[in-house]
Every structure is written in structure tokens, then in C-alpha cells.
Protein backbone atom coordinates (compact mmCIF):
# COMPACT_ATOMS: atom_id res chain seq x y z
CA MET A 1 -35.63 18.05 23.45
CA ASP A 2 -33.80 18.76 26.71
CA LEU A 3 -30.74 20.97 26.07
CA MET A 4 -28.27 18.46 27.52
CA ALA A 5 -29.78 15.64 25.47
CA GLN A 6 -29.55 17.89 22.40
CA ILE A 7 -25.87 18.60 23.12
CA GLN A 8 -25.11 14.90 23.61
CA THR A 9 -26.85 13.96 20.37
CA LYS A 10 -24.96 16.64 18.43
CA ALA A 11 -21.65 15.55 19.99
CA ARG A 12 -22.19 11.92 18.95
CA SER A 13 -23.21 12.99 15.45
CA ASN A 14 -20.18 15.26 15.05
CA HIS A 15 -17.78 12.61 16.37
CA GLN A 16 -19.24 9.97 14.07
CA GLU A 17 -18.91 12.23 11.04
CA LYS A 18 -15.41 13.61 11.57
CA THR A 19 -13.71 12.22 14.72
CA VAL A 20 -13.84 15.22 17.00
CA LYS A 21 -10.83 15.73 19.28
CA VAL A 22 -11.38 17.61 22.55
CA GLY A 23 -8.52 18.57 24.85
CA ILE A 24 -8.92 18.79 28.61
CA GLY A 25 -6.58 20.24 31.21
CA LEU A 26 -5.19 18.21 34.11
CA ALA A 27 -3.43 19.90 37.02
CA ASP A 28 -4.86 17.83 39.88
CA ARG A 29 -7.80 15.50 40.71
CA LYS A 30 -6.51 13.01 38.13
CA ALA A 31 -9.12 10.40 39.07
CA THR A 32 -11.97 12.81 38.23
CA ILE A 33 -10.44 13.76 34.88
CA ASP A 34 -9.68 10.14 33.97
CA GLU A 35 -13.22 9.04 34.85
CA SER A 36 -14.73 11.91 32.85
CA VAL A 37 -12.60 11.06 29.82
CA LYS A 38 -13.54 7.39 30.08
CA ILE A 39 -17.29 8.11 30.22
CA ALA A 40 -17.12 10.71 27.42
CA GLU A 41 -15.29 8.34 25.11
CA GLU A 42 -17.59 5.40 25.99
CA ASN A 43 -20.53 7.60 25.00
CA ASN A 44 -18.80 8.55 21.72
CA TYR A 45 -18.81 12.28 22.48
CA ALA A 46 -15.22 12.80 21.34
CA GLU A 47 -11.68 11.51 21.36
CA VAL A 48 -10.28 13.23 24.43
CA VAL A 49 -6.65 14.33 24.81
CA ILE A 50 -5.28 15.28 28.24
CA PHE A 51 -2.89 18.24 28.61
CA GLU A 52 -1.02 19.05 31.81
CA THR A 53 -0.38 22.77 31.21
CA ALA A 54 -2.50 25.64 29.97
CA ASP A 55 0.08 26.58 27.33
CA GLU A 56 0.05 23.06 25.85
CA LEU A 57 -3.76 22.95 25.80
CA LEU A 58 -4.25 26.39 24.25
CA ASN A 59 -1.42 26.03 21.73
CA ALA A 60 -2.94 22.75 20.58
CA LEU A 61 -6.29 24.53 20.17
CA GLY A 62 -4.73 27.45 18.32
CA ASN A 63 -2.78 25.11 16.01
CA ASN A 64 -5.91 23.07 15.14
CA GLU A 65 -4.52 19.91 16.74
CA ILE A 66 -7.81 19.63 18.62
CA ASN A 67 -11.31 20.82 17.71
CA GLY A 68 -12.21 22.16 21.13
CA ALA A 69 -10.88 22.47 24.65
CA VAL A 70 -12.14 22.16 28.22
CA ARG A 71 -10.30 23.85 31.09
CA GLY A 72 -10.65 20.92 33.48
CA THR A 73 -8.58 21.36 36.63
CA LEU A 74 -6.05 23.86 35.29
CA SER A 75 -5.51 27.13 37.16
CA ALA A 76 -7.82 29.94 36.02
CA THR A 77 -4.92 32.40 36.13
CA ASP A 78 -2.77 30.21 33.87
CA VAL A 79 -5.63 29.59 31.43
CA VAL A 80 -6.57 33.26 31.16
CA LYS A 81 -2.92 34.19 30.55
CA SER A 82 -2.57 31.54 27.81
CA LEU A 83 -5.87 32.44 26.15
CA ARG A 84 -4.82 36.07 25.91
CA SER A 85 -1.36 35.16 24.62
CA VAL A 86 -2.34 32.54 22.05
CA PHE A 87 -5.42 34.33 20.68
CA GLY A 88 -4.39 37.96 21.18
CA ILE A 89 -7.48 39.04 23.14
CA ASP A 90 -7.41 41.62 25.93
CA HIS A 91 -10.47 40.35 27.84
CA LEU A 92 -12.52 37.16 28.13
CA MET A 93 -16.26 36.79 27.86
CA ARG A 94 -17.52 33.58 29.45
CA LEU A 95 -21.17 32.53 29.36
CA ALA A 96 -22.03 29.94 32.01
CA CYS A 97 -24.75 27.40 31.23
CA LEU A 98 -26.54 25.84 34.20
CA LYS A 99 -29.55 23.61 34.76
CA LEU A 100 -31.48 24.63 37.87
CA PRO A 101 -33.05 21.62 39.61
CA LEU A 102 -35.84 23.45 41.44
CA ALA A 103 -36.92 25.54 38.46
CA ASP A 104 -36.24 22.61 36.08
CA LYS A 105 -34.84 24.96 33.45
CA TYR A 106 -31.57 25.95 31.85
CA ILE A 107 -30.19 29.44 32.30
CA PHE A 108 -27.20 31.28 30.88
CA VAL A 109 -25.32 33.62 33.21
CA ALA A 110 -22.73 36.32 32.47
CA PRO A 111 -20.37 37.74 33.47
CA VAL A 112 -18.94 35.00 35.69
CA GLY A 113 -15.25 35.89 35.60
CA ILE A 114 -14.16 38.18 38.42
CA ASP A 115 -12.53 40.59 35.95
CA GLU A 116 -15.30 40.56 33.34
CA GLY A 117 -18.26 42.85 32.65
CA LEU A 118 -16.43 45.84 34.05
CA ASN A 119 -18.39 48.52 32.21
CA ILE A 120 -21.44 49.23 30.07
CA ASP A 121 -19.64 48.45 26.81
CA GLN A 122 -18.56 45.00 28.02
CA LYS A 123 -22.05 44.17 29.25
CA LEU A 124 -23.50 45.19 25.89
CA GLU A 125 -20.94 42.96 24.21
CA PHE A 126 -22.03 40.10 26.47
CA ILE A 127 -25.65 40.70 25.51
CA LYS A 128 -24.90 40.74 21.76
CA LEU A 129 -22.57 37.71 21.73
CA GLY A 130 -24.64 35.75 24.25
CA ASN A 131 -27.84 36.44 22.34
CA ASP A 132 -26.26 35.13 19.12
CA PHE A 133 -24.74 32.07 20.86
CA ILE A 134 -27.99 31.01 22.54
CA LYS A 135 -29.85 31.27 19.24
CA LYS A 136 -27.31 28.86 17.72
CA LEU A 137 -28.53 26.31 20.28
CA ASP A 138 -32.06 26.70 18.84
CA ILE A 139 -33.18 28.55 21.97
CA GLU A 140 -34.92 31.93 21.86
CA PRO A 141 -33.08 34.18 24.33
CA SER A 142 -35.04 36.09 26.96
CA ILE A 143 -32.69 38.52 28.67
CA GLY A 144 -32.83 40.08 32.11
CA ILE A 145 -30.27 42.39 33.69
CA LEU A 146 -29.70 42.70 37.43
CA ALA A 147 -28.59 45.65 39.53
CA SER A 148 -27.92 46.23 43.21
CA GLY A 149 -31.38 47.42 44.23
CA ARG A 150 -34.99 48.14 43.29
CA PRO A 151 -35.84 51.34 41.39
CA GLU A 152 -37.07 52.96 44.62
CA ASP A 153 -33.67 52.28 46.27
CA ARG A 154 -31.86 54.94 44.23
CA ASP A 155 -31.55 57.34 47.18
CA ARG A 156 -30.03 54.77 49.54
CA SER A 157 -26.49 55.25 48.24
CA PRO A 158 -24.66 56.76 45.26
CA GLU A 159 -23.37 53.28 44.32
CA ILE A 160 -26.88 51.82 44.12
CA ALA A 161 -28.09 54.82 42.11
CA GLU A 162 -25.22 54.44 39.66
CA ALA A 163 -25.82 50.68 39.27
CA LEU A 164 -29.50 51.21 38.55
CA GLU A 165 -28.76 53.98 36.06
CA ASP A 166 -26.20 51.79 34.29
CA ALA A 167 -28.72 48.93 34.02
CA ASP A 168 -31.34 51.29 32.59
CA LYS A 169 -28.79 52.61 30.09
CA ILE A 170 -27.85 49.08 29.00
CA VAL A 171 -31.52 48.22 28.46
CA GLU A 172 -31.95 51.36 26.34
CA LEU A 173 -28.86 50.68 24.24
CA ALA A 174 -29.66 46.99 23.75
CA ARG A 175 -33.19 47.76 22.63
CA GLY A 176 -31.70 50.26 20.21
CA LYS A 177 -29.93 47.27 18.64
CA ASN A 178 -33.25 45.35 18.49
CA ILE A 179 -32.34 43.10 21.42
CA ASP A 180 -35.04 43.04 24.08
CA VAL A 181 -33.71 43.30 27.65
CA ASP A 182 -35.58 43.92 30.90
CA ASN A 183 -34.16 45.40 34.10
CA TYR A 184 -35.06 43.35 37.19
CA GLY A 185 -32.97 45.33 39.66
CA ILE A 186 -32.07 43.06 42.57
CA LEU A 187 -34.98 40.65 41.99
CA ILE A 188 -32.99 37.66 40.72
CA GLU A 189 -35.88 35.32 41.50
CA GLU A 190 -38.14 37.15 39.04
CA ALA A 191 -35.38 37.34 36.44
CA VAL A 192 -34.80 33.58 36.60
CA GLN A 193 -38.54 32.89 36.43
CA ASN A 194 -39.01 35.02 33.31
CA CYS A 195 -35.65 34.85 31.53
CA ASN A 196 -33.07 32.32 30.37
CA PHE A 197 -30.13 34.73 30.00
CA ILE A 198 -29.20 36.73 33.11
CA ILE A 199 -26.72 39.63 33.05
CA MET A 200 -25.16 40.04 36.49
CA PRO A 201 -24.17 43.41 38.00
CA ASP A 202 -20.48 42.46 37.69
CA GLY A 203 -18.20 39.43 37.34
CA VAL A 204 -17.64 39.00 41.07
CA THR A 205 -21.39 38.80 41.71
CA GLY A 206 -21.78 36.44 38.76
CA ASN A 207 -19.01 34.19 40.07
CA LEU A 208 -20.58 34.10 43.54
CA ILE A 209 -24.04 33.31 42.12
CA PHE A 210 -22.57 30.55 39.92
CA ARG A 211 -20.71 28.99 42.83
CA THR A 212 -23.76 29.20 45.09
CA LEU A 213 -26.02 27.54 42.52
CA TYR A 214 -23.51 24.81 41.63
CA PHE A 215 -21.79 23.98 44.91
CA LEU A 216 -24.67 24.65 47.30
CA GLY A 217 -27.83 24.54 45.18
CA GLY A 218 -27.38 21.33 43.23
CA ALA A 219 -27.36 22.97 39.80
CA VAL A 220 -25.79 21.12 36.88
CA ALA A 221 -22.96 23.19 35.38
CA ILE A 222 -22.51 22.28 31.72
CA GLY A 223 -19.69 24.75 31.13
CA ALA A 224 -18.91 28.32 30.16
CA PRO A 225 -17.90 28.83 26.53
CA VAL A 226 -15.69 31.83 25.81
CA LEU A 227 -17.77 33.91 23.43
CA ASN A 228 -15.06 36.14 21.95
CA LEU A 229 -12.76 33.40 20.64
CA PRO A 230 -12.50 32.03 17.10
CA LYS A 231 -12.17 28.53 18.64
CA ILE A 232 -14.23 26.44 21.05
CA PHE A 233 -13.08 26.72 24.65
CA ILE A 234 -15.27 25.63 27.55
CA ASP A 235 -14.30 27.07 30.91
CA THR A 236 -15.11 25.02 34.00
CA SER A 237 -14.59 25.16 37.71
CA ARG A 238 -11.48 23.25 38.75
CA SER A 239 -13.63 21.77 41.55
CA LYS A 240 -16.30 20.41 39.19
CA ARG A 241 -17.67 16.99 40.12
CA SER A 242 -17.55 15.70 36.52
CA TYR A 243 -16.42 17.05 33.16
CA VAL A 244 -18.46 14.74 30.94
CA GLU A 245 -21.08 17.39 30.15
CA SER A 246 -18.38 19.94 29.30
CA ILE A 247 -16.60 17.54 26.92
CA ALA A 248 -19.91 16.83 25.19
CA PHE A 249 -20.60 20.60 25.02
CA ALA A 250 -17.26 21.28 23.33
CA SER A 251 -17.81 18.47 20.82
CA GLY A 252 -21.41 19.48 20.16
CA LEU A 253 -20.35 23.04 19.29
CA VAL A 254 -18.00 21.90 16.53
CA ASP A 255 -19.46 23.19 13.27
């Protein structure tokens, strides 16, 4: 079954069994949020509650007033601040899920936050948590890591050499934890062809790739769950064309 169809089916089943409540943030583009809520509720994905501030949305999630949350059009800065405050975490780990129209496949991309994946330890954490999350969707993860050059480019600059060495080290450490990872260097096209979980060189690169695929390449962005939270929070671009898929994703992840 197609992943989106699987998510929609699970959302309907969850909502039918226990009336799932999903919160969504509204800072602007009210018409888009209202239309997304209307379609989600008509499709029985969830009962959707609109919140106008990040603090209200995240406090409701932390207090179990809602089963899951979607960022919607709230400011990323405000949401990150509230997530850290409410849940006591010092960094976020978001895993973006996209459907690529040309390749006709789903891929998971991380890091996609500009301040995420800052070192080897964080990338290993992404690999471990992302690997576990993807398996929960009944998908076998195939993981590729990217760096800023090919292996033969090591002598072109110290920065490229360091990036390639870091990628090799991550592969070695991940395999030591029985998680298979391959280093594709700068060859993103080969990584996407062979893998469904792509580790970007850093969060800025990941954010740029995500925005290029979604805003310019016609990809479908389902949402980016935060992996290191005890609750379900789906991050989204505040410029997203529709939030229906993200609402269904949040509802479908309710255990």
C-alpha cells in the first residue's frame, strides 16, 4: 500500500476507535488552515483544534489535551522555543517525509533544521531514531549519507576532506551498531535512487534540499515528525500549500 494511503487508513481507524484530537497552529494564511481542517475532518482523520500561539499549542500537547500537533503557520523560532521549554529538550531532531514525483517514491530526509545535525553524535542519533521510526511505518530503511564531495576530492580543500572523513566515521560507527549506512559523498542522485533515508551534510543543506524539492520540484511534503519527543509533533513549512497530509500523519502515529 502507498505510504500516504497507509497513513490515511491508520488515521481513520485511530479516530474511529478513540476520537483523536490534533492541534494545528495558526499565525497567518487562515484560509489555508481552515480549508485543511475542513478536509481533514470530512475525511475523518481527526478532530482538529486550532491554536494561535506556539505556547498554547505545545502546552496543550504536553498536558494531553490533544493527541498530536502540527506546526501549521506558526513561526519556527516560536515553536522551537516552546518545544524546548515544555519538553525540556536542548535540541530538535526532525525527519522530513517527502514523496518525489519523478522517482515515484517516498524518502526521509534529515537533518532539515538549520541548527540540527551539527556534529557526528547528532547525526548518529538521527540515524538510530530515524531507523527505528521508519521501521514503525512497516518500511525497511535503506540509509545513505551525503558529504560535500567525492572520495577523490579530499585534496581540494580541508573542509571537503573533513566532511568526507566525518561521513566515513559515521558509516563505521553506525555499522558498529548493526545499522547499515552507505556514504554517497556528493552524489545525491545515487543516494535517492538506492536509499529511502538520506542523511544530509548539515541542517542548512537539508533545509535547502527540502525547500528545493517541495517548492520547486513538485514533491509532496507529508511533514517532519520530531523524533526525540515523547509526544507526536509534526513540523511543517509555514508556506505549505495544504496541511491535510500532516494532520493525517499526526493522527496515524497515535498509538
